[in-house]
Amino acid sequence: MSTPNNFDDYKVRDIELADWGRKEIKIAEGEMPALMALREKYKAEQPLKGANIMGCIHMTIQTAVLIETLIELGASV
């Protein structure tokens, strides 16, 4: 997954937690088989290319999986 490198309007409180967070995301992916199947099936087609998706929701590990899936399917989140 690629991420833009021009984000400068945020601060990371504790970058040491990044590895832990990535492990938790991997666990959550295993618990969300339908979403992962959609990601795998449609990734090459980029069905959300050009879509701008915005939301206001609680940030959870499951939300991270959803956001990463939307991005992999071509959306700008």
C-alpha atoms as a PDB file:
ATOM      1  CA  MET A   1       0.000   0.000   0.000  1.00  0.00           C
ATOM      2  CA  SER A   2       1.363   3.422  -0.848  1.00  0.00           C
ATOM      3  CA  THR A   3       0.852   6.526   1.216  1.00  0.00           C
ATOM      4  CA  PRO A   4       1.327  10.142   0.211  1.00  0.00           C
ATOM      5  CA  ASN A   5       4.490  11.692   1.583  1.00  0.00           C
ATOM      6  CA  ASN A   6       3.199  15.245   1.765  1.00  0.00           C
ATOM      7  CA  PHE A   7       1.287  14.969   5.026  1.00  0.00           C
ATOM      8  CA  ASP A   8       2.607  17.606   7.388  1.00  0.00           C
ATOM      9  CA  ASP A   9      -0.523  18.511   9.330  1.00  0.00           C
ATOM     10  CA  TYR A  10      -0.320  15.812  11.983  1.00  0.00           C
ATOM     11  CA  LYS A  11       1.997  14.611  14.720  1.00  0.00           C
ATOM     12  CA  VAL A  12       2.730  11.068  15.799  1.00  0.00           C
ATOM     13  CA  ARG A  13       2.620  10.834  19.555  1.00  0.00           C
ATOM     14  CA  ASP A  14       4.608   7.598  19.916  1.00  0.00           C
ATOM     15  CA  ILE A  15       6.072   6.117  16.734  1.00  0.00           C
ATOM     16  CA  GLU A  16       7.268   3.151  18.799  1.00  0.00           C
ATOM     17  CA  LEU A  17       3.677   1.859  18.733  1.00  0.00           C
ATOM     18  CA  ALA A  18       3.661   1.514  14.922  1.00  0.00           C
ATOM     19  CA  ASP A  19       4.873  -2.105  14.920  1.00  0.00           C
ATOM     20  CA  TRP A  20       2.290  -3.064  17.537  1.00  0.00           C
ATOM     21  CA  GLY A  21      -0.434  -1.332  15.519  1.00  0.00           C
ATOM     22  CA  ARG A  22       0.552  -3.113  12.309  1.00  0.00           C
ATOM     23  CA  LYS A  23       0.421  -6.479  14.136  1.00  0.00           C
ATOM     24  CA  GLU A  24      -3.058  -5.644  15.439  1.00  0.00           C
ATOM     25  CA  ILE A  25      -4.187  -4.691  11.933  1.00  0.00           C
ATOM     26  CA  LYS A  26      -2.948  -8.043  10.613  1.00  0.00           C
ATOM     27  CA  ILE A  27      -4.942  -9.833  13.333  1.00  0.00           C
ATOM     28  CA  ALA A  28      -8.054  -7.798  12.470  1.00  0.00           C
ATOM     29  CA  GLU A  29      -7.632  -8.645   8.779  1.00  0.00           C
ATOM     30  CA  GLY A  30      -7.837 -12.314   9.741  1.00  0.00           C
ATOM     31  CA  GLU A  31     -11.083 -11.604  11.573  1.00  0.00           C
ATOM     32  CA  MET A  32     -12.635  -9.810   8.580  1.00  0.00           C
ATOM     33  CA  PRO A  33     -12.628 -12.440   5.815  1.00  0.00           C
ATOM     34  CA  ALA A  34     -15.374 -10.863   3.699  1.00  0.00           C
ATOM     35  CA  LEU A  35     -13.604  -7.519   3.508  1.00  0.00           C
ATOM     36  CA  MET A  36     -10.299  -9.208   2.722  1.00  0.00           C
ATOM     37  CA  ALA A  37     -11.969 -11.261  -0.019  1.00  0.00           C
ATOM     38  CA  LEU A  38     -13.329  -8.060  -1.583  1.00  0.00           C
ATOM     39  CA  ARG A  39      -9.887  -6.488  -1.378  1.00  0.00           C
ATOM     40  CA  GLU A  40      -8.273  -9.455  -3.107  1.00  0.00           C
ATOM     41  CA  LYS A  41     -10.986  -9.872  -5.744  1.00  0.00           C
ATOM     42  CA  TYR A  42     -11.198  -6.232  -6.843  1.00  0.00           C
ATOM     43  CA  LYS A  43      -7.725  -4.813  -6.139  1.00  0.00           C
ATOM     44  CA  ALA A  44      -6.566  -5.097  -9.762  1.00  0.00           C
ATOM     45  CA  GLU A  45      -9.774  -3.516 -11.093  1.00  0.00           C
ATOM     46  CA  GLN A  46      -9.542  -0.425  -8.835  1.00  0.00           C
ATOM     47  CA  PRO A  47     -13.355  -0.012  -8.767  1.00  0.00           C
ATOM     48  CA  LEU A  48     -13.138   2.981  -6.420  1.00  0.00           C
ATOM     49  CA  LYS A  49     -10.572   4.874  -8.490  1.00  0.00           C
ATOM     50  CA  GLY A  50     -11.478   8.544  -8.482  1.00  0.00           C
ATOM     51  CA  ALA A  51     -13.791   8.217  -5.487  1.00  0.00           C
ATOM     52  CA  ASN A  52     -13.184  10.598  -2.597  1.00  0.00           C
ATOM     53  CA  ILE A  53     -14.407   9.047   0.632  1.00  0.00           C
ATOM     54  CA  MET A  54     -14.705  10.996   3.837  1.00  0.00           C
ATOM     55  CA  GLY A  55     -16.110   9.952   7.161  1.00  0.00           C
ATOM     56  CA  CYS A  56     -16.282  10.826  10.801  1.00  0.00           C
ATOM     57  CA  ILE A  57     -16.044   7.629  12.834  1.00  0.00           C
ATOM     58  CA  HIS A  58     -14.188   6.279  15.812  1.00  0.00           C
ATOM     59  CA  MET A  59     -10.709   5.113  14.876  1.00  0.00           C
ATOM     60  CA  THR A  60     -10.363   1.451  15.709  1.00  0.00           C
ATOM     61  CA  ILE A  61      -8.162  -1.267  14.326  1.00  0.00           C
ATOM     62  CA  GLN A  62     -11.127  -2.488  12.285  1.00  0.00           C
ATOM     63  CA  THR A  63     -11.571   1.029  10.906  1.00  0.00           C
ATOM     64  CA  ALA A  64      -7.929   0.940   9.826  1.00  0.00           C
ATOM     65  CA  VAL A  65      -8.605  -2.274   7.892  1.00  0.00           C
ATOM     66  CA  LEU A  66     -11.605  -0.653   6.197  1.00  0.00           C
ATOM     67  CA  ILE A  67      -9.596   2.454   5.268  1.00  0.00           C
ATOM     68  CA  GLU A  68      -6.704   0.397   3.910  1.00  0.00           C
ATOM     69  CA  THR A  69      -9.177  -1.651   1.864  1.00  0.00           C
ATOM     70  CA  LEU A  70     -10.793   1.457   0.394  1.00  0.00           C
ATOM     71  CA  ILE A  71      -7.359   2.791  -0.553  1.00  0.00           C
ATOM     72  CA  GLU A  72      -6.310  -0.507  -2.117  1.00  0.00           C
ATOM     73  CA  LEU A  73      -9.485  -0.444  -4.199  1.00  0.00           C
ATOM     74  CA  GLY A  74      -8.513   2.974  -5.543  1.00  0.00           C
ATOM     75  CA  ALA A  75     -10.320   5.453  -3.304  1.00  0.00           C
ATOM     76  CA  SER A  76      -8.875   8.588  -1.828  1.00  0.00           C
ATOM     77  CA  VAL A  77      -9.709   8.524   1.873  1.00  0.00           C
END
